[in-house]
C-alpha atoms as a PDB file:
ATOM      1  CA  MET A   1       0.623   1.588  18.305  1.00  0.00           C
ATOM      2  CA  SER A   2       4.330   2.257  18.333  1.00  0.00           C
ATOM      3  CA  GLU A   3       5.574   3.588  15.036  1.00  0.00           C
ATOM      4  CA  GLU A   4       8.967   2.013  14.474  1.00  0.00           C
ATOM      5  CA  SER A   5       9.830   2.533  10.836  1.00  0.00           C
ATOM      6  CA  THR A   6      12.251   1.202   8.254  1.00  0.00           C
ATOM      7  CA  LEU A   7      13.581   3.019   5.194  1.00  0.00           C
ATOM      8  CA  VAL A   8      12.574   0.893   2.211  1.00  0.00           C
ATOM      9  CA  SER A   9      13.203   1.304  -1.484  1.00  0.00           C
ATOM     10  CA  GLY A  10      10.906   0.197  -4.246  1.00  0.00           C
ATOM     11  CA  SER A  11      10.238   0.353  -7.944  1.00  0.00           C
ATOM     12  CA  CYS A  12       7.741  -0.428 -10.649  1.00  0.00           C
ATOM     13  CA  LEU A  13       7.883  -3.548 -12.846  1.00  0.00           C
ATOM     14  CA  CYS A  14       9.822  -1.870 -15.673  1.00  0.00           C
ATOM     15  CA  GLY A  15      12.195  -0.089 -13.267  1.00  0.00           C
ATOM     16  CA  ALA A  16      11.494   3.365 -14.674  1.00  0.00           C
ATOM     17  CA  ILE A  17      10.254   4.639 -11.286  1.00  0.00           C
ATOM     18  CA  GLN A  18      12.290   4.146  -8.135  1.00  0.00           C
ATOM     19  CA  TYR A  19      11.461   5.530  -4.702  1.00  0.00           C
ATOM     20  CA  GLU A  20      12.329   5.314  -1.035  1.00  0.00           C
ATOM     21  CA  VAL A  21      10.139   5.960   2.005  1.00  0.00           C
ATOM     22  CA  GLU A  22       9.983   5.165   5.722  1.00  0.00           C
ATOM     23  CA  ALA A  23       7.488   2.309   6.122  1.00  0.00           C
ATOM     24  CA  ILE A  24       5.790   1.838   9.491  1.00  0.00           C
ATOM     25  CA  ASN A  25       6.650  -1.694  10.545  1.00  0.00           C
ATOM     26  CA  ASN A  26       3.516  -2.546  12.530  1.00  0.00           C
ATOM     27  CA  LYS A  27       0.981  -1.062  10.107  1.00  0.00           C
ATOM     28  CA  ILE A  28       0.832  -3.564   7.286  1.00  0.00           C
ATOM     29  CA  PHE A  29      -2.555  -4.804   6.114  1.00  0.00           C
ATOM     30  CA  ASN A  30      -4.016  -7.101   3.492  1.00  0.00           C
ATOM     31  CA  CYS A  31      -6.732  -4.876   2.047  1.00  0.00           C
ATOM     32  CA  HIS A  32      -9.690  -6.743   0.557  1.00  0.00           C
ATOM     33  CA  CYS A  33     -11.703  -3.678  -0.514  1.00  0.00           C
ATOM     34  CA  THR A  34     -13.123  -3.652  -4.030  1.00  0.00           C
ATOM     35  CA  GLN A  35     -10.889  -0.755  -5.116  1.00  0.00           C
ATOM     36  CA  CYS A  36      -7.655  -2.490  -4.047  1.00  0.00           C
ATOM     37  CA  ARG A  37      -8.734  -5.780  -5.607  1.00  0.00           C
ATOM     38  CA  LYS A  38      -9.575  -4.153  -8.933  1.00  0.00           C
ATOM     39  CA  SER A  39      -6.587  -1.831  -9.105  1.00  0.00           C
ATOM     40  CA  HIS A  40      -4.129  -4.628  -8.232  1.00  0.00           C
ATOM     41  CA  GLY A  41      -5.877  -7.349 -10.231  1.00  0.00           C
ATOM     42  CA  ALA A  42      -5.651  -9.672  -7.233  1.00  0.00           C
ATOM     43  CA  ALA A  43      -7.661 -11.052  -4.308  1.00  0.00           C
ATOM     44  CA  PHE A  44      -6.190  -8.353  -2.051  1.00  0.00           C
ATOM     45  CA  ALA A  45      -3.398  -5.795  -1.857  1.00  0.00           C
ATOM     46  CA  THR A  46      -0.825  -5.831   0.930  1.00  0.00           C
ATOM     47  CA  GLN A  47      -0.205  -2.219   1.883  1.00  0.00           C
ATOM     48  CA  ALA A  48       2.447  -0.861   4.249  1.00  0.00           C
ATOM     49  CA  PHE A  49       1.521   2.436   5.853  1.00  0.00           C
ATOM     50  CA  ALA A  50       4.399   4.877   5.554  1.00  0.00           C
ATOM     51  CA  ASN A  51       5.470   8.392   6.479  1.00  0.00           C
ATOM     52  CA  GLY A  52       4.506  10.367   3.354  1.00  0.00           C
ATOM     53  CA  LYS A  53       6.832  13.220   4.328  1.00  0.00           C
ATOM     54  CA  THR A  54       9.808  10.901   3.793  1.00  0.00           C
ATOM     55  CA  LEU A  55       8.885   9.896   0.221  1.00  0.00           C
ATOM     56  CA  ARG A  56      11.745  10.554  -2.180  1.00  0.00           C
ATOM     57  CA  PHE A  57      11.803   9.606  -5.840  1.00  0.00           C
ATOM     58  CA  ILE A  58      15.197   8.362  -6.991  1.00  0.00           C
ATOM     59  CA  LYS A  59      14.108   8.433 -10.620  1.00  0.00           C
ATOM     60  CA  GLY A  60      11.063   8.491 -12.840  1.00  0.00           C
ATOM     61  CA  VAL A  61       8.720  10.805 -10.921  1.00  0.00           C
ATOM     62  CA  GLU A  62       7.633  12.265 -14.276  1.00  0.00           C
ATOM     63  CA  LEU A  63       6.225   8.816 -15.187  1.00  0.00           C
ATOM     64  CA  LEU A  64       4.050   8.605 -12.062  1.00  0.00           C
ATOM     65  CA  SER A  65       0.346   8.715 -12.911  1.00  0.00           C
ATOM     66  CA  GLU A  66      -2.508   9.119 -10.477  1.00  0.00           C
ATOM     67  CA  TYR A  67      -6.091   7.975 -10.321  1.00  0.00           C
ATOM     68  CA  SER A  68      -8.161  10.032  -7.902  1.00  0.00           C
ATOM     69  CA  GLY A  69     -11.390   8.570  -6.674  1.00  0.00           C
ATOM     70  CA  HIS A  70     -12.970   6.212  -4.180  1.00  0.00           C
ATOM     71  CA  GLY A  71     -11.597   8.128  -1.197  1.00  0.00           C
ATOM     72  CA  GLY A  72      -7.991   8.628  -2.205  1.00  0.00           C
ATOM     73  CA  ILE A  73      -5.298   8.777  -4.822  1.00  0.00           C
ATOM     74  CA  ARG A  74      -3.738   5.650  -6.321  1.00  0.00           C
ATOM     75  CA  ALA A  75      -0.362   6.116  -7.992  1.00  0.00           C
ATOM     76  CA  PHE A  76       1.065   3.881 -10.686  1.00  0.00           C
ATOM     77  CA  CYS A  77       3.713   3.797 -13.416  1.00  0.00           C
ATOM     78  CA  SER A  78       2.373   5.218 -16.682  1.00  0.00           C
ATOM     79  CA  ARG A  79       4.718   2.919 -18.612  1.00  0.00           C
ATOM     80  CA  CYS A  80       4.133  -0.548 -17.111  1.00  0.00           C
ATOM     81  CA  GLY A  81       1.029   0.062 -14.964  1.00  0.00           C
ATOM     82  CA  SER A  82       2.544  -1.135 -11.673  1.00  0.00           C
ATOM     83  CA  ARG A  83       0.629   0.043  -8.609  1.00  0.00           C
ATOM     84  CA  LEU A  84       3.032   1.781  -6.251  1.00  0.00           C
ATOM     85  CA  MET A  85       1.217   3.745  -3.549  1.00  0.00           C
ATOM     86  CA  ASN A  86      -2.031   5.159  -2.180  1.00  0.00           C
ATOM     87  CA  TYR A  87      -2.429   8.497  -0.417  1.00  0.00           C
ATOM     88  CA  ALA A  88      -4.644  11.373   0.565  1.00  0.00           C
ATOM     89  CA  ALA A  89      -4.096  14.784  -1.056  1.00  0.00           C
ATOM     90  CA  ASP A  90      -2.313  15.649   2.215  1.00  0.00           C
ATOM     91  CA  LYS A  91       0.157  12.738   2.413  1.00  0.00           C
ATOM     92  CA  SER A  92       0.532  13.303   6.178  1.00  0.00           C
ATOM     93  CA  LEU A  93      -3.089  12.139   6.641  1.00  0.00           C
ATOM     94  CA  TYR A  94      -2.744   8.844   4.769  1.00  0.00           C
ATOM     95  CA  PHE A  95       0.064   7.266   2.791  1.00  0.00           C
ATOM     96  CA  SER A  96       0.807   3.625   1.996  1.00  0.00           C
ATOM     97  CA  VAL A  97       2.980   1.695  -0.418  1.00  0.00           C
ATOM     98  CA  ALA A  98       2.099  -1.526  -2.164  1.00  0.00           C
ATOM     99  CA  LEU A  99       4.339  -4.043  -0.429  1.00  0.00           C
ATOM    100  CA  SER A 100       4.672  -5.811  -3.791  1.00  0.00           C
ATOM    101  CA  SER A 101       6.629  -2.799  -5.096  1.00  0.00           C
ATOM    102  CA  VAL A 102       9.207  -2.848  -2.260  1.00  0.00           C
ATOM    103  CA  ASP A 103      12.596  -4.117  -3.446  1.00  0.00           C
ATOM    104  CA  SER A 104      14.653  -3.895  -0.265  1.00  0.00           C
ATOM    105  CA  LEU A 105      14.737  -6.740   2.232  1.00  0.00           C
ATOM    106  CA  TYR A 106      11.844  -5.902   4.538  1.00  0.00           C
ATOM    107  CA  ASP A 107      11.111  -8.744   6.930  1.00  0.00           C
ATOM    108  CA  VAL A 108       7.563  -7.908   8.032  1.00  0.00           C
ATOM    109  CA  LYS A 109       4.210  -9.609   7.931  1.00  0.00           C
ATOM    110  CA  PRO A 110       0.682  -8.208   7.645  1.00  0.00           C
ATOM    111  CA  ILE A 111      -0.967  -7.670  11.023  1.00  0.00           C
ATOM    112  CA  ALA A 112      -4.571  -7.890   9.821  1.00  0.00           C
ATOM    113  CA  ASN A 113      -6.988  -8.369   6.957  1.00  0.00           C
ATOM    114  CA  ALA A 114      -8.959  -5.176   6.321  1.00  0.00           C
ATOM    115  CA  PHE A 115     -12.313  -4.669   4.565  1.00  0.00           C
ATOM    116  CA  VAL A 116     -13.147  -8.374   4.490  1.00  0.00           C
ATOM    117  CA  ASP A 117     -16.848  -7.509   4.113  1.00  0.00           C
ATOM    118  CA  SER A 118     -16.072  -6.684   0.476  1.00  0.00           C
ATOM    119  CA  LYS A 119     -13.612  -9.525  -0.176  1.00  0.00           C
ATOM    120  CA  ALA A 120     -13.771 -11.629  -3.323  1.00  0.00           C
ATOM    121  CA  THR A 121     -16.342 -14.395  -2.869  1.00  0.00           C
ATOM    122  CA  TRP A 122     -13.877 -16.953  -4.249  1.00  0.00           C
ATOM    123  CA  TYR A 123     -11.127 -16.164  -1.691  1.00  0.00           C
ATOM    124  CA  GLU A 124     -10.901 -16.873   2.050  1.00  0.00           C
ATOM    125  CA  PRO A 125      -8.408 -14.708   4.000  1.00  0.00           C
ATOM    126  CA  SER A 126      -5.881 -16.376   6.276  1.00  0.00           C
ATOM    127  CA  GLU A 127      -7.241 -17.188   9.708  1.00  0.00           C
ATOM    128  CA  ASN A 128      -3.732 -16.692  11.139  1.00  0.00           C
ATOM    129  CA  ILE A 129      -4.326 -12.934  11.397  1.00  0.00           C
ATOM    130  CA  THR A 130      -7.325 -10.960  12.587  1.00  0.00           C
ATOM    131  CA  SER A 131      -9.901  -9.875  10.027  1.00  0.00           C
ATOM    132  CA  TYR A 132     -11.871  -6.616  10.187  1.00  0.00           C
ATOM    133  CA  SER A 133     -14.970  -5.551   8.294  1.00  0.00           C
ATOM    134  CA  GLY A 134     -13.281  -2.182   7.623  1.00  0.00           C
ATOM    135  CA  MET A 135      -9.996  -0.606   8.629  1.00  0.00           C
ATOM    136  CA  PRO A 136      -9.009  -1.520  12.218  1.00  0.00           C
ATOM    137  CA  ASP A 137      -9.481   1.215  14.837  1.00  0.00           C
ATOM    138  CA  GLY A 138      -6.303   3.255  15.282  1.00  0.00           C
ATOM    139  CA  ALA A 139      -4.783   2.177  11.958  1.00  0.00           C
ATOM    140  CA  LEU A 140      -4.851   5.709  10.573  1.00  0.00           C
ATOM    141  CA  ASP A 141      -3.515   7.311  13.781  1.00  0.00           C
END
């Protein structure tokens, strides 16, 4: 996969945390795994893979809280609870931002549904994009 990227800016619901990062335009997934569903309080979370080395906090980094478990770190605002990003301890191995936290105009669409084997029983993913039982091969490359 080609890795064309776009610098995006985002923030939490209360605006206390603001960040910018280079999002990878063709690596955007609707994740239906149990952890994403529970942590986002939704049927799925749309995540944009990004270059973790480019992450820069504009303000509020001291308010960033982390939950470590279930194979990674989930970061959120300690004030309003907004989910912002997921990453591995080494952000160069895995880093993604919750597309719902991106404020800048970012005209992209998810390329696939991931982890549909653990989707909510009451929700059917769009048939307009490919669904995978786990993460698609090559997604983490």
